[in-house]
Amino acid sequence: MPDAATVTDRPETSVEPVLQCRGLRKAYGERVAVADVGFAVAPGETYGLLGPNGAGKTTTISMVCGLLRRDAGEVTVAGRPMSPEATDAKAAIGLVPQDVALYEDLSAEENLRFFGRLQGLSGRELAARVAEVLEVVGLADRAGDRVGEYSGGMKRRANIAAGLLHRPRLLVLDEPTVGVDPQSRNAILESVEALAGEGMSVLYTTHYMEEAERLCDRIGIIDEGRLIAEGTRRELVAQLGVGDQVEVTGTGDLAAFAAACAELPGALGAEARDGSVVVRVEQGSTALAPIVAAAERTGVAVGGVEVTEPDLEDVFLALTGKALRD
């Protein structure tokens, strides 16, 4: 899968989405948990719901998966209407909840055999699928160990394996890396990347900006129950209108250098500081050569160049007035 920072194309709109939801709403008394949320996930796409704790992510996917009756709105999965009674639509989903849903007294393999039978698998097909999904999540060498002996990260990986057994059209992962160590977290992310690379559609909720940037083709930013922005990483960052920052350290007439940079095509502004010039540009990678040329014209000796792109944290702060983890 291409790096999230380089993804610029939207999925083909002519292909029917694996998931389509419109106008989702859920209230508890006077408190509105989700208000008019709608998005789609295309075949083979990883779509991220990014927002802080309490933003409405889990409530949204609970309605998407038919676990929670919605007050309003529509959900279709693989072309089938979703409701708490819609077994056909639910069969197209592999749900991996925040809480580990495994029997700790059983081994990973025994757990998967049990859940596989609930999905209608048996015999050689079941044995093959258990082996395959354990390999995907990196637990093949620990298949016979009791889940209760696993680390938190290993339990979450086994949880993902259970969601994959029946080859779902859509894998739904709700905050799968919360509370795990960095090594296990990376293993989980690698597993998701591998699944996306094989063409599985994934709906991924997280409050970690770096996970959304790494994994997701498109991202919906959710806050206080509302989807406030949606797009690729580059599209979301472009909404800020501030561009990339190129900081050039050097010696010489930095004021003249800054003035020259401000006149370059694609420049949004330039400022001379103590020992450096900071240039705001539409795209840093294409602006480097003209900026270095401007330094040569104005007699500035360049000591170093650093390019900083706005990230999803900046987008969230600009849209809501608060940091993503507030």
C-alpha atoms as a PDB file:
ATOM      1  CA  MET A   1       0.000   0.000   0.000  1.00  0.00           C
ATOM      2  CA  PRO A   2       1.400   3.452  -0.829  1.00  0.00           C
ATOM      3  CA  ASP A   3       2.557   5.686   1.974  1.00  0.00           C
ATOM      4  CA  ALA A   4      -0.335   7.701   3.384  1.00  0.00           C
ATOM      5  CA  ALA A   5       1.480  10.953   2.653  1.00  0.00           C
ATOM      6  CA  THR A   6       1.579  10.158  -1.072  1.00  0.00           C
ATOM      7  CA  VAL A   7      -2.002   8.988  -1.534  1.00  0.00           C
ATOM      8  CA  THR A   8      -3.765  11.604  -3.640  1.00  0.00           C
ATOM      9  CA  ASP A   9      -6.325   9.691  -5.704  1.00  0.00           C
ATOM     10  CA  ARG A  10      -9.787   8.806  -4.498  1.00  0.00           C
ATOM     11  CA  PRO A  11     -11.032   5.252  -5.019  1.00  0.00           C
ATOM     12  CA  GLU A  12     -13.043   4.561  -8.165  1.00  0.00           C
ATOM     13  CA  THR A  13     -16.503   6.023  -7.624  1.00  0.00           C
ATOM     14  CA  SER A  14     -18.062   3.731 -10.250  1.00  0.00           C
ATOM     15  CA  VAL A  15     -17.530   0.705  -8.006  1.00  0.00           C
ATOM     16  CA  GLU A  16     -20.265   0.001  -5.473  1.00  0.00           C
ATOM     17  CA  PRO A  17     -19.002   0.728  -1.955  1.00  0.00           C
ATOM     18  CA  VAL A  18     -18.578  -2.184   0.433  1.00  0.00           C
ATOM     19  CA  LEU A  19     -19.995   0.094   3.120  1.00  0.00           C
ATOM     20  CA  GLN A  20     -22.339   3.030   2.628  1.00  0.00           C
ATOM     21  CA  CYS A  21     -23.880   4.919   5.528  1.00  0.00           C
ATOM     22  CA  ARG A  22     -25.913   8.118   5.480  1.00  0.00           C
ATOM     23  CA  GLY A  23     -27.341  10.390   8.138  1.00  0.00           C
ATOM     24  CA  LEU A  24     -26.488   8.230  11.145  1.00  0.00           C
ATOM     25  CA  ARG A  25     -27.877   9.575  14.390  1.00  0.00           C
ATOM     26  CA  LYS A  26     -27.928   8.238  17.945  1.00  0.00           C
ATOM     27  CA  ALA A  27     -29.025  10.068  21.067  1.00  0.00           C
ATOM     28  CA  TYR A  28     -29.255   9.063  24.698  1.00  0.00           C
ATOM     29  CA  GLY A  29     -31.909  11.299  26.145  1.00  0.00           C
ATOM     30  CA  GLU A  30     -30.848  14.859  25.405  1.00  0.00           C
ATOM     31  CA  ARG A  31     -27.229  13.880  24.718  1.00  0.00           C
ATOM     32  CA  VAL A  32     -26.562  13.380  21.013  1.00  0.00           C
ATOM     33  CA  ALA A  33     -23.724  10.862  20.602  1.00  0.00           C
ATOM     34  CA  VAL A  34     -23.732  10.796  16.779  1.00  0.00           C
ATOM     35  CA  ALA A  35     -25.320  13.419  14.537  1.00  0.00           C
ATOM     36  CA  ASP A  36     -25.812  13.054  10.766  1.00  0.00           C
ATOM     37  CA  VAL A  37     -22.671  10.986  10.114  1.00  0.00           C
ATOM     38  CA  GLY A  38     -22.219   9.544   6.642  1.00  0.00           C
ATOM     39  CA  PHE A  39     -19.338   8.026   4.682  1.00  0.00           C
ATOM     40  CA  ALA A  40     -18.505   5.165   2.329  1.00  0.00           C
ATOM     41  CA  VAL A  41     -15.735   2.566   2.133  1.00  0.00           C
ATOM     42  CA  ALA A  42     -14.750   1.353  -1.312  1.00  0.00           C
ATOM     43  CA  PRO A  43     -13.525  -2.154  -2.178  1.00  0.00           C
ATOM     44  CA  GLY A  44      -9.905  -2.488  -1.069  1.00  0.00           C
ATOM     45  CA  GLU A  45      -9.916   0.849   0.746  1.00  0.00           C
ATOM     46  CA  THR A  46      -8.746   1.512   4.295  1.00  0.00           C
ATOM     47  CA  TYR A  47     -10.945   4.234   5.732  1.00  0.00           C
ATOM     48  CA  GLY A  48     -10.051   5.802   9.062  1.00  0.00           C
ATOM     49  CA  LEU A  49     -12.362   7.405  11.601  1.00  0.00           C
ATOM     50  CA  LEU A  50     -10.029   9.724  13.494  1.00  0.00           C
ATOM     51  CA  GLY A  51     -11.064  11.532  16.624  1.00  0.00           C
ATOM     52  CA  PRO A  52     -10.469  11.845  20.368  1.00  0.00           C
ATOM     53  CA  ASN A  53     -11.950   9.532  22.975  1.00  0.00           C
ATOM     54  CA  GLY A  54     -15.661  10.195  23.300  1.00  0.00           C
ATOM     55  CA  ALA A  55     -15.993  11.597  19.780  1.00  0.00           C
ATOM     56  CA  GLY A  56     -18.575   9.005  18.711  1.00  0.00           C
ATOM     57  CA  LYS A  57     -16.357   6.521  16.866  1.00  0.00           C
ATOM     58  CA  THR A  58     -17.480   3.375  18.709  1.00  0.00           C
ATOM     59  CA  THR A  59     -21.145   4.410  18.627  1.00  0.00           C
ATOM     60  CA  THR A  60     -20.850   4.947  14.879  1.00  0.00           C
ATOM     61  CA  ILE A  61     -19.339   1.548  14.135  1.00  0.00           C
ATOM     62  CA  SER A  62     -21.807  -0.129  16.496  1.00  0.00           C
ATOM     63  CA  MET A  63     -24.580   1.186  14.247  1.00  0.00           C
ATOM     64  CA  VAL A  64     -22.613   0.256  11.123  1.00  0.00           C
ATOM     65  CA  CYS A  65     -22.275  -3.332  12.379  1.00  0.00           C
ATOM     66  CA  GLY A  66     -25.896  -3.658  13.487  1.00  0.00           C
ATOM     67  CA  LEU A  67     -25.043  -3.948  17.168  1.00  0.00           C
ATOM     68  CA  LEU A  68     -26.839  -0.732  18.065  1.00  0.00           C
ATOM     69  CA  ARG A  69     -30.178   0.396  16.695  1.00  0.00           C
ATOM     70  CA  ARG A  70     -29.810   3.820  15.114  1.00  0.00           C
ATOM     71  CA  ASP A  71     -32.299   6.630  15.650  1.00  0.00           C
ATOM     72  CA  ALA A  72     -32.003   7.714  12.021  1.00  0.00           C
ATOM     73  CA  GLY A  73     -29.971   7.033   8.912  1.00  0.00           C
ATOM     74  CA  GLU A  74     -29.206   4.180   6.523  1.00  0.00           C
ATOM     75  CA  VAL A  75     -26.433   1.559   6.381  1.00  0.00           C
ATOM     76  CA  THR A  76     -25.735  -0.908   3.594  1.00  0.00           C
ATOM     77  CA  VAL A  77     -22.947  -3.497   3.697  1.00  0.00           C
ATOM     78  CA  ALA A  78     -22.034  -5.346   0.496  1.00  0.00           C
ATOM     79  CA  GLY A  79     -25.265  -4.026  -0.974  1.00  0.00           C
ATOM     80  CA  ARG A  80     -27.431  -5.351   1.880  1.00  0.00           C
ATOM     81  CA  PRO A  81     -29.373  -3.123   4.300  1.00  0.00           C
ATOM     82  CA  MET A  82     -28.039  -3.336   7.835  1.00  0.00           C
ATOM     83  CA  SER A  83     -30.159  -3.653  10.974  1.00  0.00           C
ATOM     84  CA  PRO A  84     -29.798  -5.557  14.264  1.00  0.00           C
ATOM     85  CA  GLU A  85     -31.738  -8.404  12.613  1.00  0.00           C
ATOM     86  CA  ALA A  86     -29.866  -8.414   9.264  1.00  0.00           C
ATOM     87  CA  THR A  87     -27.787 -11.598   9.489  1.00  0.00           C
ATOM     88  CA  ASP A  88     -26.776 -11.501   5.789  1.00  0.00           C
ATOM     89  CA  ALA A  89     -25.328  -7.994   6.099  1.00  0.00           C
ATOM     90  CA  LYS A  90     -23.600  -8.862   9.362  1.00  0.00           C
ATOM     91  CA  ALA A  91     -21.994 -11.930   7.755  1.00  0.00           C
ATOM     92  CA  ALA A  92     -20.071  -9.588   5.421  1.00  0.00           C
ATOM     93  CA  ILE A  93     -18.371  -7.896   8.400  1.00  0.00           C
ATOM     94  CA  GLY A  94     -15.464  -8.992  10.545  1.00  0.00           C
ATOM     95  CA  LEU A  95     -15.689  -6.944  13.741  1.00  0.00           C
ATOM     96  CA  VAL A  96     -12.691  -6.562  16.048  1.00  0.00           C
ATOM     97  CA  PRO A  97     -13.957  -4.697  19.145  1.00  0.00           C
ATOM     98  CA  GLN A  98     -11.896  -2.673  21.605  1.00  0.00           C
ATOM     99  CA  ASP A  99     -12.289  -5.314  24.295  1.00  0.00           C
ATOM    100  CA  VAL A 100     -10.699  -8.680  23.573  1.00  0.00           C
ATOM    101  CA  ALA A 101     -13.487 -11.189  22.897  1.00  0.00           C
ATOM    102  CA  LEU A 102     -11.638 -14.474  23.430  1.00  0.00           C
ATOM    103  CA  TYR A 103     -11.710 -17.309  25.985  1.00  0.00           C
ATOM    104  CA  GLU A 104      -8.516 -17.027  28.027  1.00  0.00           C
ATOM    105  CA  ASP A 105      -8.589 -20.668  29.168  1.00  0.00           C
ATOM    106  CA  LEU A 106      -8.412 -21.854  25.548  1.00  0.00           C
ATOM    107  CA  SER A 107      -5.473 -21.659  23.191  1.00  0.00           C
ATOM    108  CA  ALA A 108      -5.557 -19.301  20.230  1.00  0.00           C
ATOM    109  CA  GLU A 109      -6.135 -22.228  17.906  1.00  0.00           C
ATOM    110  CA  GLU A 110      -9.006 -23.554  20.052  1.00  0.00           C
ATOM    111  CA  ASN A 111     -10.581 -20.109  20.162  1.00  0.00           C
ATOM    112  CA  LEU A 112     -10.396 -19.771  16.403  1.00  0.00           C
ATOM    113  CA  ARG A 113     -11.823 -23.235  15.811  1.00  0.00           C
ATOM    114  CA  PHE A 114     -14.754 -22.369  18.065  1.00  0.00           C
ATOM    115  CA  PHE A 115     -15.473 -19.046  16.370  1.00  0.00           C
ATOM    116  CA  GLY A 116     -14.929 -20.606  12.948  1.00  0.00           C
ATOM    117  CA  ARG A 117     -17.666 -23.160  13.639  1.00  0.00           C
ATOM    118  CA  LEU A 118     -19.998 -20.328  14.606  1.00  0.00           C
ATOM    119  CA  GLN A 119     -19.315 -18.908  11.145  1.00  0.00           C
ATOM    120  CA  GLY A 120     -20.220 -22.202   9.500  1.00  0.00           C
ATOM    121  CA  LEU A 121     -16.681 -23.436   8.832  1.00  0.00           C
ATOM    122  CA  SER A 122     -15.668 -27.034   9.444  1.00  0.00           C
ATOM    123  CA  GLY A 123     -13.212 -29.781   8.553  1.00  0.00           C
ATOM    124  CA  ARG A 124     -10.236 -28.993   6.326  1.00  0.00           C
ATOM    125  CA  GLU A 125     -11.558 -25.552   5.409  1.00  0.00           C
ATOM    126  CA  LEU A 126     -11.677 -24.563   9.075  1.00  0.00           C
ATOM    127  CA  ALA A 127      -8.194 -25.953   9.779  1.00  0.00           C
ATOM    128  CA  ALA A 128      -6.785 -24.108   6.763  1.00  0.00           C
ATOM    129  CA  ARG A 129      -8.391 -20.808   7.715  1.00  0.00           C
ATOM    130  CA  VAL A 130      -7.178 -21.039  11.316  1.00  0.00           C
ATOM    131  CA  ALA A 131      -3.621 -21.616  10.083  1.00  0.00           C
ATOM    132  CA  GLU A 132      -3.884 -18.790   7.552  1.00  0.00           C
ATOM    133  CA  VAL A 133      -5.161 -16.124   9.934  1.00  0.00           C
ATOM    134  CA  LEU A 134      -2.657 -17.050  12.638  1.00  0.00           C
ATOM    135  CA  GLU A 135       0.073 -16.561  10.055  1.00  0.00           C
ATOM    136  CA  VAL A 136      -1.356 -13.173   9.045  1.00  0.00           C
ATOM    137  CA  VAL A 137      -1.248 -11.865  12.640  1.00  0.00           C
ATOM    138  CA  GLY A 138       2.127 -13.435  13.428  1.00  0.00           C
ATOM    139  CA  LEU A 139       0.937 -15.961  16.013  1.00  0.00           C
ATOM    140  CA  ALA A 140       1.490 -19.234  14.164  1.00  0.00           C
ATOM    141  CA  ASP A 141       4.317 -20.218  16.529  1.00  0.00           C
ATOM    142  CA  ARG A 142       2.112 -19.548  19.610  1.00  0.00           C
ATOM    143  CA  ALA A 143      -1.084 -21.164  18.313  1.00  0.00           C
ATOM    144  CA  GLY A 144      -1.165 -23.818  21.053  1.00  0.00           C
ATOM    145  CA  ASP A 145      -0.583 -21.448  23.975  1.00  0.00           C
ATOM    146  CA  ARG A 146      -3.448 -20.364  26.203  1.00  0.00           C
ATOM    147  CA  VAL A 147      -4.697 -16.883  25.388  1.00  0.00           C
ATOM    148  CA  GLY A 148      -4.497 -16.069  29.099  1.00  0.00           C
ATOM    149  CA  GLU A 149      -0.708 -16.395  28.829  1.00  0.00           C
ATOM    150  CA  TYR A 150      -0.516 -13.887  25.977  1.00  0.00           C
ATOM    151  CA  SER A 151       0.608 -10.295  26.321  1.00  0.00           C
ATOM    152  CA  GLY A 152      -1.991  -7.587  25.711  1.00  0.00           C
ATOM    153  CA  GLY A 153      -0.696  -7.030  22.205  1.00  0.00           C
ATOM    154  CA  MET A 154      -0.806 -10.740  21.356  1.00  0.00           C
ATOM    155  CA  LYS A 155      -4.400 -10.964  22.602  1.00  0.00           C
ATOM    156  CA  ARG A 156      -5.373  -8.112  20.301  1.00  0.00           C
ATOM    157  CA  ARG A 157      -3.668  -9.816  17.361  1.00  0.00           C
ATOM    158  CA  ALA A 158      -5.567 -13.021  18.124  1.00  0.00           C
ATOM    159  CA  ASN A 159      -8.734 -10.916  18.280  1.00  0.00           C
ATOM    160  CA  ILE A 160      -8.013  -9.686  14.748  1.00  0.00           C
ATOM    161  CA  ALA A 161      -7.488 -13.278  13.615  1.00  0.00           C
ATOM    162  CA  ALA A 162     -10.977 -14.175  14.872  1.00  0.00           C
ATOM    163  CA  GLY A 163     -12.454 -11.357  12.807  1.00  0.00           C
ATOM    164  CA  LEU A 164     -10.771 -12.641   9.656  1.00  0.00           C
ATOM    165  CA  LEU A 165     -11.829 -16.290   9.774  1.00  0.00           C
ATOM    166  CA  HIS A 166     -14.865 -16.067   7.502  1.00  0.00           C
ATOM    167  CA  ARG A 167     -13.177 -13.869   4.865  1.00  0.00           C
ATOM    168  CA  PRO A 168     -15.332 -10.781   5.518  1.00  0.00           C
ATOM    169  CA  ARG A 169     -15.872  -8.168   2.839  1.00  0.00           C
ATOM    170  CA  LEU A 170     -15.270  -5.466   5.473  1.00  0.00           C
ATOM    171  CA  LEU A 171     -12.946  -5.682   8.481  1.00  0.00           C
ATOM    172  CA  VAL A 172     -13.908  -3.234  11.253  1.00  0.00           C
ATOM    173  CA  LEU A 173     -11.181  -2.452  13.777  1.00  0.00           C
ATOM    174  CA  ASP A 174     -12.106  -0.342  16.794  1.00  0.00           C
ATOM    175  CA  GLU A 175      -9.007   1.205  18.411  1.00  0.00           C
ATOM    176  CA  PRO A 176      -7.003  -2.053  18.060  1.00  0.00           C
ATOM    177  CA  THR A 177      -3.728  -0.688  19.468  1.00  0.00           C
ATOM    178  CA  VAL A 178      -4.947   0.998  22.660  1.00  0.00           C
ATOM    179  CA  GLY A 179      -2.898  -0.064  25.670  1.00  0.00           C
ATOM    180  CA  VAL A 180      -0.368  -2.244  23.860  1.00  0.00           C
ATOM    181  CA  ASP A 181       3.422  -1.985  23.834  1.00  0.00           C
ATOM    182  CA  PRO A 182       5.205  -0.397  20.833  1.00  0.00           C
ATOM    183  CA  GLN A 183       6.389  -3.730  19.411  1.00  0.00           C
ATOM    184  CA  SER A 184       2.899  -5.245  19.489  1.00  0.00           C
ATOM    185  CA  ARG A 185       1.433  -2.043  18.115  1.00  0.00           C
ATOM    186  CA  ASN A 186       3.761  -2.182  15.136  1.00  0.00           C
ATOM    187  CA  ALA A 187       2.898  -5.852  14.570  1.00  0.00           C
ATOM    188  CA  ILE A 188      -0.807  -4.968  14.515  1.00  0.00           C
ATOM    189  CA  LEU A 189      -0.245  -2.139  12.052  1.00  0.00           C
ATOM    190  CA  GLU A 190       1.819  -4.401   9.817  1.00  0.00           C
ATOM    191  CA  SER A 191      -1.008  -6.958   9.838  1.00  0.00           C
ATOM    192  CA  VAL A 192      -3.519  -4.304   8.795  1.00  0.00           C
ATOM    193  CA  GLU A 193      -1.188  -3.108   6.052  1.00  0.00           C
ATOM    194  CA  ALA A 194      -0.842  -6.667   4.762  1.00  0.00           C
ATOM    195  CA  LEU A 195      -4.613  -7.135   4.657  1.00  0.00           C
ATOM    196  CA  ALA A 196      -5.078  -3.839   2.830  1.00  0.00           C
ATOM    197  CA  GLY A 197      -2.379  -4.882   0.381  1.00  0.00           C
ATOM    198  CA  GLU A 198      -4.409  -7.999  -0.398  1.00  0.00           C
ATOM    199  CA  GLY A 199      -7.467  -5.896  -1.230  1.00  0.00           C
ATOM    200  CA  MET A 200      -9.557  -6.167   1.946  1.00  0.00           C
ATOM    201  CA  SER A 201     -11.757  -3.200   2.837  1.00  0.00           C
ATOM    202  CA  VAL A 202     -10.987  -1.890   6.327  1.00  0.00           C
ATOM    203  CA  LEU A 203     -12.804   0.549   8.600  1.00  0.00           C
ATOM    204  CA  TYR A 204     -10.300   1.640  11.257  1.00  0.00           C
ATOM    205  CA  THR A 205     -11.046   3.841  14.254  1.00  0.00           C
ATOM    206  CA  THR A 206      -8.248   5.531  16.153  1.00  0.00           C
ATOM    207  CA  HIS A 207      -7.284   8.629  18.107  1.00  0.00           C
ATOM    208  CA  TYR A 208      -3.650   8.224  17.048  1.00  0.00           C
ATOM    209  CA  MET A 209      -2.881  10.615  14.201  1.00  0.00           C
ATOM    210  CA  GLU A 210       0.208   8.688  13.119  1.00  0.00           C
ATOM    211  CA  GLU A 211      -1.806   5.471  12.665  1.00  0.00           C
ATOM    212  CA  ALA A 212      -4.316   7.205  10.414  1.00  0.00           C
ATOM    213  CA  GLU A 213      -1.512   8.733   8.356  1.00  0.00           C
ATOM    214  CA  ARG A 214       0.265   5.395   8.014  1.00  0.00           C
ATOM    215  CA  LEU A 215      -2.687   3.137   7.217  1.00  0.00           C
ATOM    216  CA  CYS A 216      -5.594   5.029   5.736  1.00  0.00           C
ATOM    217  CA  ASP A 217      -6.348   5.887   2.122  1.00  0.00           C
ATOM    218  CA  ARG A 218      -9.042   8.306   3.267  1.00  0.00           C
ATOM    219  CA  ILE A 219      -9.803   9.724   6.696  1.00  0.00           C
ATOM    220  CA  GLY A 220     -12.960  11.058   8.290  1.00  0.00           C
ATOM    221  CA  ILE A 221     -12.321  13.399  11.216  1.00  0.00           C
ATOM    222  CA  ILE A 222     -15.024  13.031  13.847  1.00  0.00           C
ATOM    223  CA  ASP A 223     -15.555  15.231  16.893  1.00  0.00           C
ATOM    224  CA  GLU A 224     -18.486  15.556  19.289  1.00  0.00           C
ATOM    225  CA  GLY A 225     -20.479  13.103  17.196  1.00  0.00           C
ATOM    226  CA  ARG A 226     -20.096  14.931  13.889  1.00  0.00           C
ATOM    227  CA  LEU A 227     -17.984  14.163  10.840  1.00  0.00           C
ATOM    228  CA  ILE A 228     -16.329  17.529  10.357  1.00  0.00           C
ATOM    229  CA  ALA A 229     -13.932  16.766   7.477  1.00  0.00           C
ATOM    230  CA  GLU A 230     -13.106  13.926   5.113  1.00  0.00           C
ATOM    231  CA  GLY A 231     -10.514  13.177   2.457  1.00  0.00           C
ATOM    232  CA  THR A 232      -7.035  11.897   1.820  1.00  0.00           C
ATOM    233  CA  ARG A 233      -4.296  13.131   4.088  1.00  0.00           C
ATOM    234  CA  ARG A 234      -3.153  15.615   1.441  1.00  0.00           C
ATOM    235  CA  GLU A 235      -6.696  16.867   0.850  1.00  0.00           C
ATOM    236  CA  LEU A 236      -7.253  17.417   4.559  1.00  0.00           C
ATOM    237  CA  VAL A 237      -3.962  19.235   5.001  1.00  0.00           C
ATOM    238  CA  ALA A 238      -4.714  21.391   1.943  1.00  0.00           C
ATOM    239  CA  GLN A 239      -7.793  22.728   3.754  1.00  0.00           C
ATOM    240  CA  LEU A 240      -5.499  24.565   6.150  1.00  0.00           C
ATOM    241  CA  GLY A 241      -4.183  26.760   3.347  1.00  0.00           C
ATOM    242  CA  VAL A 242      -0.812  27.150   5.062  1.00  0.00           C
ATOM    243  CA  GLY A 243       1.256  24.834   2.862  1.00  0.00           C
ATOM    244  CA  ASP A 244       4.537  23.176   3.769  1.00  0.00           C
ATOM    245  CA  GLN A 245       7.284  24.930   5.710  1.00  0.00           C
ATOM    246  CA  VAL A 246      10.820  25.018   4.320  1.00  0.00           C
ATOM    247  CA  GLU A 247      13.417  26.318   6.779  1.00  0.00           C
ATOM    248  CA  VAL A 248      16.820  27.181   5.327  1.00  0.00           C
ATOM    249  CA  THR A 249      19.693  27.872   7.697  1.00  0.00           C
ATOM    250  CA  GLY A 250      22.587  29.913   6.303  1.00  0.00           C
ATOM    251  CA  THR A 251      24.706  33.020   6.380  1.00  0.00           C
ATOM    252  CA  GLY A 252      24.542  36.158   4.272  1.00  0.00           C
ATOM    253  CA  ASP A 253      21.827  38.675   3.443  1.00  0.00           C
ATOM    254  CA  LEU A 254      18.901  36.674   4.797  1.00  0.00           C
ATOM    255  CA  ALA A 255      16.458  39.558   4.340  1.00  0.00           C
ATOM    256  CA  ALA A 256      17.194  39.700   0.606  1.00  0.00           C
ATOM    257  CA  PHE A 257      16.963  35.913   0.441  1.00  0.00           C
ATOM    258  CA  ALA A 258      13.546  35.963   2.145  1.00  0.00           C
ATOM    259  CA  ALA A 259      12.307  38.656  -0.248  1.00  0.00           C
ATOM    260  CA  ALA A 260      13.435  36.564  -3.233  1.00  0.00           C
ATOM    261  CA  CYS A 261      11.733  33.456  -1.852  1.00  0.00           C
ATOM    262  CA  ALA A 262       8.465  35.332  -1.355  1.00  0.00           C
ATOM    263  CA  GLU A 263       8.341  36.002  -5.107  1.00  0.00           C
ATOM    264  CA  LEU A 264       8.813  32.359  -6.140  1.00  0.00           C
ATOM    265  CA  PRO A 265       5.922  30.492  -7.850  1.00  0.00           C
ATOM    266  CA  GLY A 266       3.911  28.600  -5.231  1.00  0.00           C
ATOM    267  CA  ALA A 267       5.307  30.624  -2.321  1.00  0.00           C
ATOM    268  CA  LEU A 268       2.791  31.623   0.348  1.00  0.00           C
ATOM    269  CA  GLY A 269       5.187  33.805   2.304  1.00  0.00           C
ATOM    270  CA  ALA A 270       8.746  34.027   3.624  1.00  0.00           C
ATOM    271  CA  GLU A 271      10.308  35.345   6.808  1.00  0.00           C
ATOM    272  CA  ALA A 272      13.908  35.954   7.828  1.00  0.00           C
ATOM    273  CA  ARG A 273      14.731  34.796  11.333  1.00  0.00           C
ATOM    274  CA  ASP A 274      17.889  34.574  13.403  1.00  0.00           C
ATOM    275  CA  GLY A 275      20.191  32.470  11.217  1.00  0.00           C
ATOM    276  CA  SER A 276      17.480  31.108   8.927  1.00  0.00           C
ATOM    277  CA  VAL A 277      14.707  31.861   6.472  1.00  0.00           C
ATOM    278  CA  VAL A 278      11.315  30.158   6.771  1.00  0.00           C
ATOM    279  CA  VAL A 279       9.359  29.838   3.543  1.00  0.00           C
ATOM    280  CA  ARG A 280       5.726  28.701   3.306  1.00  0.00           C
ATOM    281  CA  VAL A 281       5.085  26.923   0.004  1.00  0.00           C
ATOM    282  CA  GLU A 282       2.278  24.922  -1.572  1.00  0.00           C
ATOM    283  CA  GLN A 283       4.439  21.806  -1.846  1.00  0.00           C
ATOM    284  CA  GLY A 284       7.864  21.546  -0.252  1.00  0.00           C
ATOM    285  CA  SER A 285       9.313  18.823  -2.479  1.00  0.00           C
ATOM    286  CA  THR A 286       8.918  20.887  -5.662  1.00  0.00           C
ATOM    287  CA  ALA A 287      10.070  24.149  -4.074  1.00  0.00           C
ATOM    288  CA  LEU A 288      13.515  23.065  -2.895  1.00  0.00           C
ATOM    289  CA  ALA A 289      15.390  23.678  -6.136  1.00  0.00           C
ATOM    290  CA  PRO A 290      13.974  27.215  -6.692  1.00  0.00           C
ATOM    291  CA  ILE A 291      14.672  28.115  -3.049  1.00  0.00           C
ATOM    292  CA  VAL A 292      18.297  26.962  -3.264  1.00  0.00           C
ATOM    293  CA  ALA A 293      18.652  28.898  -6.530  1.00  0.00           C
ATOM    294  CA  ALA A 294      17.302  32.015  -4.789  1.00  0.00           C
ATOM    295  CA  ALA A 295      19.914  31.557  -2.070  1.00  0.00           C
ATOM    296  CA  GLU A 296      22.674  31.478  -4.693  1.00  0.00           C
ATOM    297  CA  ARG A 297      21.334  34.619  -6.422  1.00  0.00           C
ATOM    298  CA  THR A 298      21.292  36.568  -3.157  1.00  0.00           C
ATOM    299  CA  GLY A 299      24.706  35.336  -2.017  1.00  0.00           C
ATOM    300  CA  VAL A 300      23.450  33.232   0.915  1.00  0.00           C
ATOM    301  CA  ALA A 301      25.552  30.213   1.902  1.00  0.00           C
ATOM    302  CA  VAL A 302      23.120  27.404   2.753  1.00  0.00           C
ATOM    303  CA  GLY A 303      23.947  25.380   5.841  1.00  0.00           C
ATOM    304  CA  GLY A 304      20.883  23.127   5.940  1.00  0.00           C
ATOM    305  CA  VAL A 305      17.336  22.667   4.705  1.00  0.00           C
ATOM    306  CA  GLU A 306      14.396  21.169   6.606  1.00  0.00           C
ATOM    307  CA  VAL A 307      10.930  20.576   5.164  1.00  0.00           C
ATOM    308  CA  THR A 308       7.965  20.239   7.547  1.00  0.00           C
ATOM    309  CA  GLU A 309       4.525  19.263   6.311  1.00  0.00           C
ATOM    310  CA  PRO A 310       1.372  20.066   8.292  1.00  0.00           C
ATOM    311  CA  ASP A 311      -0.113  16.907   9.769  1.00  0.00           C
ATOM    312  CA  LEU A 312      -3.532  15.694  10.849  1.00  0.00           C
ATOM    313  CA  GLU A 313      -2.946  17.111  14.332  1.00  0.00           C
ATOM    314  CA  ASP A 314      -2.704  20.566  12.745  1.00  0.00           C
ATOM    315  CA  VAL A 315      -5.876  19.899  10.748  1.00  0.00           C
ATOM    316  CA  PHE A 316      -7.800  18.813  13.838  1.00  0.00           C
ATOM    317  CA  LEU A 317      -6.585  21.826  15.816  1.00  0.00           C
ATOM    318  CA  ALA A 318      -7.607  24.192  13.033  1.00  0.00           C
ATOM    319  CA  LEU A 319     -11.079  22.622  12.689  1.00  0.00           C
ATOM    320  CA  THR A 320     -11.936  22.274  16.376  1.00  0.00           C
ATOM    321  CA  GLY A 321      -9.686  24.688  18.245  1.00  0.00           C
ATOM    322  CA  LYS A 322      -8.301  21.859  20.384  1.00  0.00           C
ATOM    323  CA  ALA A 323      -5.584  19.246  20.157  1.00  0.00           C
ATOM    324  CA  LEU A 324      -6.501  15.736  19.003  1.00  0.00           C
ATOM    325  CA  ARG A 325      -5.740  14.217  22.415  1.00  0.00           C
ATOM    326  CA  ASP A 326      -7.620  16.826  24.505  1.00  0.00           C
END
